Amino acid sequence: MAILSRNRPGVLEGCGKTRFPPGCSKRSRCQAAGKGPSEAYSRYAATSARARQRSRWAFFSSLVCVSALGASSPALAAGAFLDAVLASVAGKTVTVTDVAIGRALSLFGLRPSEAPIGRADVESLANAVLMEREAAQLAIGDNREETQAAWDEAADRVGGMPAFRTWMTQAGLDEAWVKSLVERDLRRQRFIDLRFRAFAFVSDADVTGALGPGVHGPDALERAREVLRLQAIDRAVADWLADARTRTPVGFADTVPQGVLPPFSMPTQGKRH
């Protein structure tokens, strides 16, 4: 289990060559060296410590919920549905319903399935949370037109907006919740496009090496180039996620390896993407 790291605020010591926060005058630096941290700095350090403690409590509290809900898995299998927490990513939870909605609407790289929800499904949502956090740091925001287009496309997958809303009602889903997941998947895709897809390059030598000797037409060359490009993007994303996992606490419920039944049926109409 990953544990949040501790970052202790430094203590200002000495004068002369000691480094101080930018913006301090030489006189104030010497006074700080003699009197210790300023009152403002002490307040900042205390506030930061409280914020880190809240993060730790949020993370560990979510894991407690994971363990407690894991004990109720027989009830879930018997049909007494409880929206169990399956994972926690830096204090943000991934629930059974999140994964089931992702499957139903082909979000986060998932596909519609009535099979029990397993580790690979939950990993897809956990990875999406990691990418969403990074997208926020890079100021990758939402575009209203793109968000509406993504929502309309989700509706098309279940036969149009009337059928979409009927399915949500039958499944007992809140439309705002479903829409938030569609928007999260859109941010994930935009992050991949801007962070990896835009920099994926395949040389002619790579294409030739992949196809082998002989004469190949333009269509074959283009298909091979696209396959190699997608493979390069997948490798770059996998490497980034592996590194992100070392910096972000991620926990999974005990029920995940055993599989958890979806809480509602998949849509029966519309296109499968």
C-alpha atoms as a PDB file:
ATOM      1  CA  MET A   1       0.000   0.000   0.000  1.00  0.00           C
ATOM      2  CA  ALA A   2       1.397   3.390  -0.962  1.00  0.00           C
ATOM      3  CA  ILE A   3       1.756   5.946   1.825  1.00  0.00           C
ATOM      4  CA  LEU A   4       1.684   9.690   1.459  1.00  0.00           C
ATOM      5  CA  SER A   5       5.160  11.142   1.837  1.00  0.00           C
ATOM      6  CA  ARG A   6       5.949  13.665   4.567  1.00  0.00           C
ATOM      7  CA  ASN A   7       7.290  17.051   3.529  1.00  0.00           C
ATOM      8  CA  ARG A   8       8.531  18.924   6.549  1.00  0.00           C
ATOM      9  CA  PRO A   9       8.847  22.690   6.256  1.00  0.00           C
ATOM     10  CA  GLY A  10      12.416  23.867   6.557  1.00  0.00           C
ATOM     11  CA  VAL A  11      13.726  26.104   9.350  1.00  0.00           C
ATOM     12  CA  LEU A  12      15.533  29.324   8.559  1.00  0.00           C
ATOM     13  CA  GLU A  13      18.958  29.267  10.125  1.00  0.00           C
ATOM     14  CA  GLY A  14      21.917  31.605  10.145  1.00  0.00           C
ATOM     15  CA  CYS A  15      22.710  34.610   8.022  1.00  0.00           C
ATOM     16  CA  GLY A  16      25.177  35.311   5.218  1.00  0.00           C
ATOM     17  CA  LYS A  17      25.024  32.525   2.616  1.00  0.00           C
ATOM     18  CA  THR A  18      21.917  30.850   4.036  1.00  0.00           C
ATOM     19  CA  ARG A  19      19.125  30.710   1.463  1.00  0.00           C
ATOM     20  CA  PHE A  20      15.911  32.525   2.284  1.00  0.00           C
ATOM     21  CA  PRO A  21      12.576  32.819   0.517  1.00  0.00           C
ATOM     22  CA  PRO A  22      12.674  35.344  -2.350  1.00  0.00           C
ATOM     23  CA  GLY A  23      11.407  38.817  -1.545  1.00  0.00           C
ATOM     24  CA  CYS A  24      13.095  39.140   1.869  1.00  0.00           C
ATOM     25  CA  SER A  25      15.440  42.079   2.398  1.00  0.00           C
ATOM     26  CA  LYS A  26      18.939  41.517   3.718  1.00  0.00           C
ATOM     27  CA  ARG A  27      17.994  43.153   7.005  1.00  0.00           C
ATOM     28  CA  SER A  28      14.904  41.021   7.428  1.00  0.00           C
ATOM     29  CA  ARG A  29      16.973  37.951   6.625  1.00  0.00           C
ATOM     30  CA  CYS A  30      19.378  38.654   9.442  1.00  0.00           C
ATOM     31  CA  GLN A  31      16.490  39.363  11.802  1.00  0.00           C
ATOM     32  CA  ALA A  32      14.916  36.068  10.748  1.00  0.00           C
ATOM     33  CA  ALA A  33      18.174  34.272  11.432  1.00  0.00           C
ATOM     34  CA  GLY A  34      18.303  35.710  14.938  1.00  0.00           C
ATOM     35  CA  LYS A  35      14.648  35.301  15.848  1.00  0.00           C
ATOM     36  CA  GLY A  36      13.721  32.139  13.936  1.00  0.00           C
ATOM     37  CA  PRO A  37      10.809  31.748  11.494  1.00  0.00           C
ATOM     38  CA  SER A  38       8.498  34.715  11.094  1.00  0.00           C
ATOM     39  CA  GLU A  39       4.933  34.609  12.329  1.00  0.00           C
ATOM     40  CA  ALA A  40       3.643  34.503   8.734  1.00  0.00           C
ATOM     41  CA  TYR A  41       5.941  31.606   7.897  1.00  0.00           C
ATOM     42  CA  SER A  42       4.855  29.734  11.017  1.00  0.00           C
ATOM     43  CA  ARG A  43       1.212  30.181  10.048  1.00  0.00           C
ATOM     44  CA  TYR A  44       2.001  28.926   6.540  1.00  0.00           C
ATOM     45  CA  ALA A  45       3.816  25.872   7.910  1.00  0.00           C
ATOM     46  CA  ALA A  46       0.947  25.074  10.283  1.00  0.00           C
ATOM     47  CA  THR A  47      -1.634  25.428   7.512  1.00  0.00           C
ATOM     48  CA  SER A  48       0.417  23.182   5.198  1.00  0.00           C
ATOM     49  CA  ALA A  49       0.757  20.563   7.911  1.00  0.00           C
ATOM     50  CA  ARG A  50      -3.000  20.556   8.506  1.00  0.00           C
ATOM     51  CA  ALA A  51      -3.665  20.217   4.772  1.00  0.00           C
ATOM     52  CA  ARG A  52      -1.293  17.256   4.542  1.00  0.00           C
ATOM     53  CA  GLN A  53      -2.964  15.654   7.552  1.00  0.00           C
ATOM     54  CA  ARG A  54      -6.393  16.072   5.928  1.00  0.00           C
ATOM     55  CA  SER A  55      -5.059  14.384   2.786  1.00  0.00           C
ATOM     56  CA  ARG A  56      -3.751  11.482   4.851  1.00  0.00           C
ATOM     57  CA  TRP A  57      -7.053  11.119   6.679  1.00  0.00           C
ATOM     58  CA  ALA A  58      -9.007  11.247   3.400  1.00  0.00           C
ATOM     59  CA  PHE A  59      -6.820   8.513   1.939  1.00  0.00           C
ATOM     60  CA  PHE A  60      -6.902   6.225   4.960  1.00  0.00           C
ATOM     61  CA  SER A  61     -10.622   6.856   5.555  1.00  0.00           C
ATOM     62  CA  SER A  62     -11.375   5.775   1.990  1.00  0.00           C
ATOM     63  CA  LEU A  63      -9.363   2.598   2.552  1.00  0.00           C
ATOM     64  CA  VAL A  64     -11.360   1.915   5.721  1.00  0.00           C
ATOM     65  CA  CYS A  65     -14.522   2.239   3.636  1.00  0.00           C
ATOM     66  CA  VAL A  66     -12.999  -0.128   1.093  1.00  0.00           C
ATOM     67  CA  SER A  67     -12.331  -2.751   3.776  1.00  0.00           C
ATOM     68  CA  ALA A  68     -15.741  -2.339   5.387  1.00  0.00           C
ATOM     69  CA  LEU A  69     -17.560  -2.598   2.087  1.00  0.00           C
ATOM     70  CA  GLY A  70     -15.435  -5.562   1.090  1.00  0.00           C
ATOM     71  CA  ALA A  71     -16.965  -7.496   3.992  1.00  0.00           C
ATOM     72  CA  SER A  72     -20.402  -6.990   2.444  1.00  0.00           C
ATOM     73  CA  SER A  73     -19.535  -8.655  -0.880  1.00  0.00           C
ATOM     74  CA  PRO A  74     -21.838 -11.699  -0.219  1.00  0.00           C
ATOM     75  CA  ALA A  75     -24.744  -9.258   0.057  1.00  0.00           C
ATOM     76  CA  LEU A  76     -23.743  -7.740  -3.240  1.00  0.00           C
ATOM     77  CA  ALA A  77     -23.643 -11.146  -4.902  1.00  0.00           C
ATOM     78  CA  ALA A  78     -27.089 -11.881  -3.455  1.00  0.00           C
ATOM     79  CA  GLY A  79     -28.527  -8.789  -5.121  1.00  0.00           C
ATOM     80  CA  ALA A  80     -28.656  -6.382  -2.164  1.00  0.00           C
ATOM     81  CA  PHE A  81     -26.702  -3.677  -3.985  1.00  0.00           C
ATOM     82  CA  LEU A  82     -24.500  -1.248  -2.126  1.00  0.00           C
ATOM     83  CA  ASP A  83     -22.380   1.156  -4.176  1.00  0.00           C
ATOM     84  CA  ALA A  84     -19.090  -0.187  -2.859  1.00  0.00           C
ATOM     85  CA  VAL A  85     -15.814   1.679  -3.082  1.00  0.00           C
ATOM     86  CA  LEU A  86     -13.387  -0.335  -5.205  1.00  0.00           C
ATOM     87  CA  ALA A  87     -10.358   1.953  -5.148  1.00  0.00           C
ATOM     88  CA  SER A  88      -8.988   5.190  -3.746  1.00  0.00           C
ATOM     89  CA  VAL A  89      -6.643   7.465  -5.684  1.00  0.00           C
ATOM     90  CA  ALA A  90      -5.195  10.264  -3.531  1.00  0.00           C
ATOM     91  CA  GLY A  91      -8.422  10.275  -1.518  1.00  0.00           C
ATOM     92  CA  LYS A  92     -10.715  10.221  -4.572  1.00  0.00           C
ATOM     93  CA  THR A  93     -12.826   7.074  -4.698  1.00  0.00           C
ATOM     94  CA  VAL A  94     -13.757   4.757  -7.568  1.00  0.00           C
ATOM     95  CA  THR A  95     -17.075   2.973  -7.017  1.00  0.00           C
ATOM     96  CA  VAL A  96     -18.870   0.012  -8.567  1.00  0.00           C
ATOM     97  CA  THR A  97     -21.318   2.391 -10.267  1.00  0.00           C
ATOM     98  CA  ASP A  98     -18.464   4.462 -11.752  1.00  0.00           C
ATOM     99  CA  VAL A  99     -17.018   1.363 -13.408  1.00  0.00           C
ATOM    100  CA  ALA A 100     -20.433   0.096 -14.562  1.00  0.00           C
ATOM    101  CA  ILE A 101     -21.254   3.457 -16.181  1.00  0.00           C
ATOM    102  CA  GLY A 102     -17.828   3.456 -17.837  1.00  0.00           C
ATOM    103  CA  ARG A 103     -18.568   0.025 -19.284  1.00  0.00           C
ATOM    104  CA  ALA A 104     -22.082   0.925 -20.432  1.00  0.00           C
ATOM    105  CA  LEU A 105     -20.936   4.051 -22.312  1.00  0.00           C
ATOM    106  CA  SER A 106     -17.517   2.756 -23.465  1.00  0.00           C
ATOM    107  CA  LEU A 107     -15.642   5.313 -21.343  1.00  0.00           C
ATOM    108  CA  PHE A 108     -12.069   5.063 -20.002  1.00  0.00           C
ATOM    109  CA  GLY A 109     -11.186   2.370 -22.545  1.00  0.00           C
ATOM    110  CA  LEU A 110     -13.876  -0.002 -21.214  1.00  0.00           C
ATOM    111  CA  ARG A 111     -16.478  -1.918 -23.218  1.00  0.00           C
ATOM    112  CA  PRO A 112     -20.054  -2.980 -22.344  1.00  0.00           C
ATOM    113  CA  SER A 113     -20.095  -6.242 -20.387  1.00  0.00           C
ATOM    114  CA  GLU A 114     -22.326  -8.006 -17.871  1.00  0.00           C
ATOM    115  CA  ALA A 115     -19.353  -9.915 -16.429  1.00  0.00           C
ATOM    116  CA  PRO A 116     -18.203  -9.261 -12.839  1.00  0.00           C
ATOM    117  CA  ILE A 117     -16.115  -6.118 -12.456  1.00  0.00           C
ATOM    118  CA  GLY A 118     -12.467  -7.077 -12.016  1.00  0.00           C
ATOM    119  CA  ARG A 119      -9.083  -5.521 -11.367  1.00  0.00           C
ATOM    120  CA  ALA A 120      -8.487  -4.436 -14.980  1.00  0.00           C
ATOM    121  CA  ASP A 121     -11.759  -2.456 -15.004  1.00  0.00           C
ATOM    122  CA  VAL A 122     -10.916  -0.691 -11.751  1.00  0.00           C
ATOM    123  CA  GLU A 123      -7.377   0.007 -12.949  1.00  0.00           C
ATOM    124  CA  SER A 124      -8.831   1.849 -15.951  1.00  0.00           C
ATOM    125  CA  LEU A 125     -10.783   4.201 -13.685  1.00  0.00           C
ATOM    126  CA  ALA A 126      -7.822   4.659 -11.308  1.00  0.00           C
ATOM    127  CA  ASN A 127      -5.615   5.584 -14.271  1.00  0.00           C
ATOM    128  CA  ALA A 128      -8.250   8.065 -15.443  1.00  0.00           C
ATOM    129  CA  VAL A 129      -8.167   9.769 -12.035  1.00  0.00           C
ATOM    130  CA  LEU A 130      -4.371  10.070 -12.235  1.00  0.00           C
ATOM    131  CA  MET A 131      -4.600  11.622 -15.709  1.00  0.00           C
ATOM    132  CA  GLU A 132      -7.380  13.966 -14.643  1.00  0.00           C
ATOM    133  CA  ARG A 133      -5.244  15.226 -11.736  1.00  0.00           C
ATOM    134  CA  GLU A 134      -2.360  15.900 -14.116  1.00  0.00           C
ATOM    135  CA  ALA A 135      -4.664  17.577 -16.644  1.00  0.00           C
ATOM    136  CA  ALA A 136      -5.810  19.978 -13.916  1.00  0.00           C
ATOM    137  CA  GLN A 137      -2.190  20.862 -13.095  1.00  0.00           C
ATOM    138  CA  LEU A 138      -1.540  21.527 -16.792  1.00  0.00           C
ATOM    139  CA  ALA A 139      -4.684  23.702 -16.979  1.00  0.00           C
ATOM    140  CA  ILE A 140      -6.294  21.379 -19.525  1.00  0.00           C
ATOM    141  CA  GLY A 141      -9.855  22.551 -19.060  1.00  0.00           C
ATOM    142  CA  ASP A 142     -13.222  21.738 -20.556  1.00  0.00           C
ATOM    143  CA  ASN A 143     -14.430  23.104 -23.867  1.00  0.00           C
ATOM    144  CA  ARG A 144     -18.196  23.571 -23.852  1.00  0.00           C
ATOM    145  CA  GLU A 145     -18.632  22.436 -27.459  1.00  0.00           C
ATOM    146  CA  GLU A 146     -16.437  19.353 -26.959  1.00  0.00           C
ATOM    147  CA  THR A 147     -18.252  18.494 -23.733  1.00  0.00           C
ATOM    148  CA  GLN A 148     -21.643  18.695 -25.443  1.00  0.00           C
ATOM    149  CA  ALA A 149     -20.363  16.623 -28.368  1.00  0.00           C
ATOM    150  CA  ALA A 150     -19.088  13.948 -25.966  1.00  0.00           C
ATOM    151  CA  TRP A 151     -22.466  13.878 -24.184  1.00  0.00           C
ATOM    152  CA  ASP A 152     -24.337  13.556 -27.499  1.00  0.00           C
ATOM    153  CA  GLU A 153     -21.994  10.771 -28.599  1.00  0.00           C
ATOM    154  CA  ALA A 154     -22.638   8.911 -25.343  1.00  0.00           C
ATOM    155  CA  ALA A 155     -26.382   9.192 -26.020  1.00  0.00           C
ATOM    156  CA  ASP A 156     -25.899   7.847 -29.565  1.00  0.00           C
ATOM    157  CA  ARG A 157     -24.315   4.705 -28.111  1.00  0.00           C
ATOM    158  CA  VAL A 158     -27.595   3.801 -26.414  1.00  0.00           C
ATOM    159  CA  GLY A 159     -29.964   4.825 -29.219  1.00  0.00           C
ATOM    160  CA  GLY A 160     -30.301   8.579 -28.803  1.00  0.00           C
ATOM    161  CA  MET A 161     -31.058  10.981 -25.967  1.00  0.00           C
ATOM    162  CA  PRO A 162     -34.605   9.713 -25.145  1.00  0.00           C
ATOM    163  CA  ALA A 163     -33.358   6.120 -24.893  1.00  0.00           C
ATOM    164  CA  PHE A 164     -30.330   7.333 -22.938  1.00  0.00           C
ATOM    165  CA  ARG A 165     -32.472   9.076 -20.332  1.00  0.00           C
ATOM    166  CA  THR A 166     -34.835   6.098 -20.129  1.00  0.00           C
ATOM    167  CA  TRP A 167     -31.893   3.780 -19.435  1.00  0.00           C
ATOM    168  CA  MET A 168     -30.548   6.125 -16.732  1.00  0.00           C
ATOM    169  CA  THR A 169     -33.965   6.206 -15.054  1.00  0.00           C
ATOM    170  CA  GLN A 170     -34.305   2.420 -15.160  1.00  0.00           C
ATOM    171  CA  ALA A 171     -30.774   2.013 -13.773  1.00  0.00           C
ATOM    172  CA  GLY A 172     -31.487   4.552 -11.009  1.00  0.00           C
ATOM    173  CA  LEU A 173     -28.675   6.851 -12.146  1.00  0.00           C
ATOM    174  CA  ASP A 174     -28.419  10.590 -11.623  1.00  0.00           C
ATOM    175  CA  GLU A 175     -27.871  12.357 -14.957  1.00  0.00           C
ATOM    176  CA  ALA A 176     -25.405  14.818 -13.436  1.00  0.00           C
ATOM    177  CA  TRP A 177     -23.304  11.922 -12.136  1.00  0.00           C
ATOM    178  CA  VAL A 178     -23.277  10.195 -15.528  1.00  0.00           C
ATOM    179  CA  LYS A 179     -22.397  13.458 -17.257  1.00  0.00           C
ATOM    180  CA  SER A 180     -19.501  14.069 -14.871  1.00  0.00           C
ATOM    181  CA  LEU A 181     -18.005  10.694 -15.874  1.00  0.00           C
ATOM    182  CA  VAL A 182     -18.384  11.528 -19.579  1.00  0.00           C
ATOM    183  CA  GLU A 183     -16.568  14.818 -18.927  1.00  0.00           C
ATOM    184  CA  ARG A 184     -13.816  13.035 -16.966  1.00  0.00           C
ATOM    185  CA  ASP A 185     -13.240  10.657 -19.885  1.00  0.00           C
ATOM    186  CA  LEU A 186     -13.081  13.629 -22.245  1.00  0.00           C
ATOM    187  CA  ARG A 187     -10.380  15.243 -20.070  1.00  0.00           C
ATOM    188  CA  ARG A 188      -8.487  11.945 -20.054  1.00  0.00           C
ATOM    189  CA  GLN A 189      -8.567  11.832 -23.860  1.00  0.00           C
ATOM    190  CA  ARG A 190      -7.478  15.460 -24.179  1.00  0.00           C
ATOM    191  CA  PHE A 191      -4.590  14.832 -21.778  1.00  0.00           C
ATOM    192  CA  ILE A 192      -3.426  11.881 -23.883  1.00  0.00           C
ATOM    193  CA  ASP A 193      -3.761  13.928 -27.074  1.00  0.00           C
ATOM    194  CA  LEU A 194      -1.782  16.912 -25.763  1.00  0.00           C
ATOM    195  CA  ARG A 195       0.763  15.050 -23.654  1.00  0.00           C
ATOM    196  CA  PHE A 196       1.496  11.978 -25.816  1.00  0.00           C
ATOM    197  CA  ARG A 197      -0.286  11.805 -29.167  1.00  0.00           C
ATOM    198  CA  ALA A 198       1.033  15.173 -30.325  1.00  0.00           C
ATOM    199  CA  PHE A 199       4.627  13.990 -29.803  1.00  0.00           C
ATOM    200  CA  ALA A 200       4.366  10.457 -31.197  1.00  0.00           C
ATOM    201  CA  PHE A 201       6.670  10.213 -34.228  1.00  0.00           C
ATOM    202  CA  VAL A 202       7.308   7.206 -36.456  1.00  0.00           C
ATOM    203  CA  SER A 203      10.133   7.351 -38.975  1.00  0.00           C
ATOM    204  CA  ASP A 204      10.139   5.828 -42.467  1.00  0.00           C
ATOM    205  CA  ALA A 205      12.857   3.445 -41.293  1.00  0.00           C
ATOM    206  CA  ASP A 206      10.554   2.225 -38.509  1.00  0.00           C
ATOM    207  CA  VAL A 207       7.765   1.581 -41.010  1.00  0.00           C
ATOM    208  CA  THR A 208      10.059  -0.228 -43.424  1.00  0.00           C
ATOM    209  CA  GLY A 209      11.471  -2.350 -40.628  1.00  0.00           C
ATOM    210  CA  ALA A 210       7.988  -3.308 -39.462  1.00  0.00           C
ATOM    211  CA  LEU A 211       6.804  -4.311 -42.942  1.00  0.00           C
ATOM    212  CA  GLY A 212       9.948  -6.158 -43.919  1.00  0.00           C
ATOM    213  CA  PRO A 213      11.542  -6.458 -47.386  1.00  0.00           C
ATOM    214  CA  GLY A 214       9.565  -6.034 -50.558  1.00  0.00           C
ATOM    215  CA  VAL A 215       7.505  -3.363 -52.260  1.00  0.00           C
ATOM    216  CA  HIS A 216       4.613  -1.933 -50.221  1.00  0.00           C
ATOM    217  CA  GLY A 217       1.890   0.382 -51.448  1.00  0.00           C
ATOM    218  CA  PRO A 218       0.968   3.731 -49.829  1.00  0.00           C
ATOM    219  CA  ASP A 219      -2.017   2.243 -47.985  1.00  0.00           C
ATOM    220  CA  ALA A 220       0.080  -0.496 -46.400  1.00  0.00           C
ATOM    221  CA  LEU A 221       2.729   2.036 -45.381  1.00  0.00           C
ATOM    222  CA  GLU A 222       0.145   4.328 -43.811  1.00  0.00           C
ATOM    223  CA  ARG A 223      -1.530   1.482 -41.923  1.00  0.00           C
ATOM    224  CA  ALA A 224       1.812   0.303 -40.574  1.00  0.00           C
ATOM    225  CA  ARG A 225       2.730   3.842 -39.544  1.00  0.00           C
ATOM    226  CA  GLU A 226      -0.534   4.284 -37.641  1.00  0.00           C
ATOM    227  CA  VAL A 227      -0.111   0.943 -35.847  1.00  0.00           C
ATOM    228  CA  LEU A 228       3.413   1.894 -34.775  1.00  0.00           C
ATOM    229  CA  ARG A 229       2.205   5.327 -33.706  1.00  0.00           C
ATOM    230  CA  LEU A 230      -0.531   3.865 -31.504  1.00  0.00           C
ATOM    231  CA  GLN A 231       1.955   1.430 -29.975  1.00  0.00           C
ATOM    232  CA  ALA A 232       4.325   4.307 -29.190  1.00  0.00           C
ATOM    233  CA  ILE A 233       1.495   6.261 -27.542  1.00  0.00           C
ATOM    234  CA  ASP A 234       0.474   3.228 -25.469  1.00  0.00           C
ATOM    235  CA  ARG A 235       4.067   2.743 -24.268  1.00  0.00           C
ATOM    236  CA  ALA A 236       4.425   6.418 -23.358  1.00  0.00           C
ATOM    237  CA  VAL A 237       1.132   6.402 -21.424  1.00  0.00           C
ATOM    238  CA  ALA A 238       2.106   3.179 -19.600  1.00  0.00           C
ATOM    239  CA  ASP A 239       5.476   4.649 -18.613  1.00  0.00           C
ATOM    240  CA  TRP A 240       3.831   7.843 -17.364  1.00  0.00           C
ATOM    241  CA  LEU A 241       1.252   5.914 -15.320  1.00  0.00           C
ATOM    242  CA  ALA A 242       3.943   3.731 -13.750  1.00  0.00           C
ATOM    243  CA  ASP A 243       5.795   6.862 -12.660  1.00  0.00           C
ATOM    244  CA  ALA A 244       2.574   8.546 -11.446  1.00  0.00           C
ATOM    245  CA  ARG A 245       1.821   5.514  -9.250  1.00  0.00           C
ATOM    246  CA  THR A 246       5.111   6.063  -7.420  1.00  0.00           C
ATOM    247  CA  ARG A 247       4.049   9.620  -6.563  1.00  0.00           C
ATOM    248  CA  THR A 248       0.360   9.113  -5.774  1.00  0.00           C
ATOM    249  CA  PRO A 249      -1.261   6.850  -3.150  1.00  0.00           C
ATOM    250  CA  VAL A 250      -3.521   4.250  -4.789  1.00  0.00           C
ATOM    251  CA  GLY A 251      -5.407   1.555  -2.859  1.00  0.00           C
ATOM    252  CA  PHE A 252      -7.730  -1.238  -4.018  1.00  0.00           C
ATOM    253  CA  ALA A 253     -10.523  -3.047  -2.169  1.00  0.00           C
ATOM    254  CA  ASP A 254     -10.227  -6.690  -1.172  1.00  0.00           C
ATOM    255  CA  THR A 255     -13.324  -7.449  -3.267  1.00  0.00           C
ATOM    256  CA  VAL A 256     -11.639  -6.452  -6.540  1.00  0.00           C
ATOM    257  CA  PRO A 257      -9.709  -9.717  -7.173  1.00  0.00           C
ATOM    258  CA  GLN A 258     -12.897 -11.732  -6.598  1.00  0.00           C
ATOM    259  CA  GLY A 259     -15.009  -9.620  -8.949  1.00  0.00           C
ATOM    260  CA  VAL A 260     -18.117  -7.541  -8.179  1.00  0.00           C
ATOM    261  CA  LEU A 261     -21.377  -7.866 -10.083  1.00  0.00           C
ATOM    262  CA  PRO A 262     -22.489  -4.735 -12.013  1.00  0.00           C
ATOM    263  CA  PRO A 263     -25.440  -3.017 -10.278  1.00  0.00           C
ATOM    264  CA  PHE A 264     -27.514  -2.656 -13.459  1.00  0.00           C
ATOM    265  CA  SER A 265     -27.855  -4.047 -16.974  1.00  0.00           C
ATOM    266  CA  MET A 266     -26.008  -2.655 -19.947  1.00  0.00           C
ATOM    267  CA  PRO A 267     -27.982  -0.673 -22.570  1.00  0.00           C
ATOM    268  CA  THR A 268     -29.416  -2.840 -25.318  1.00  0.00           C
ATOM    269  CA  GLN A 269     -29.769  -0.224 -28.085  1.00  0.00           C
ATOM    270  CA  GLY A 270     -27.471   2.045 -30.040  1.00  0.00           C
ATOM    271  CA  LYS A 271     -24.009   1.759 -31.513  1.00  0.00           C
ATOM    272  CA  ARG A 272     -21.081   0.006 -29.861  1.00  0.00           C
ATOM    273  CA  HIS A 273     -17.878   2.028 -30.192  1.00  0.00           C
END
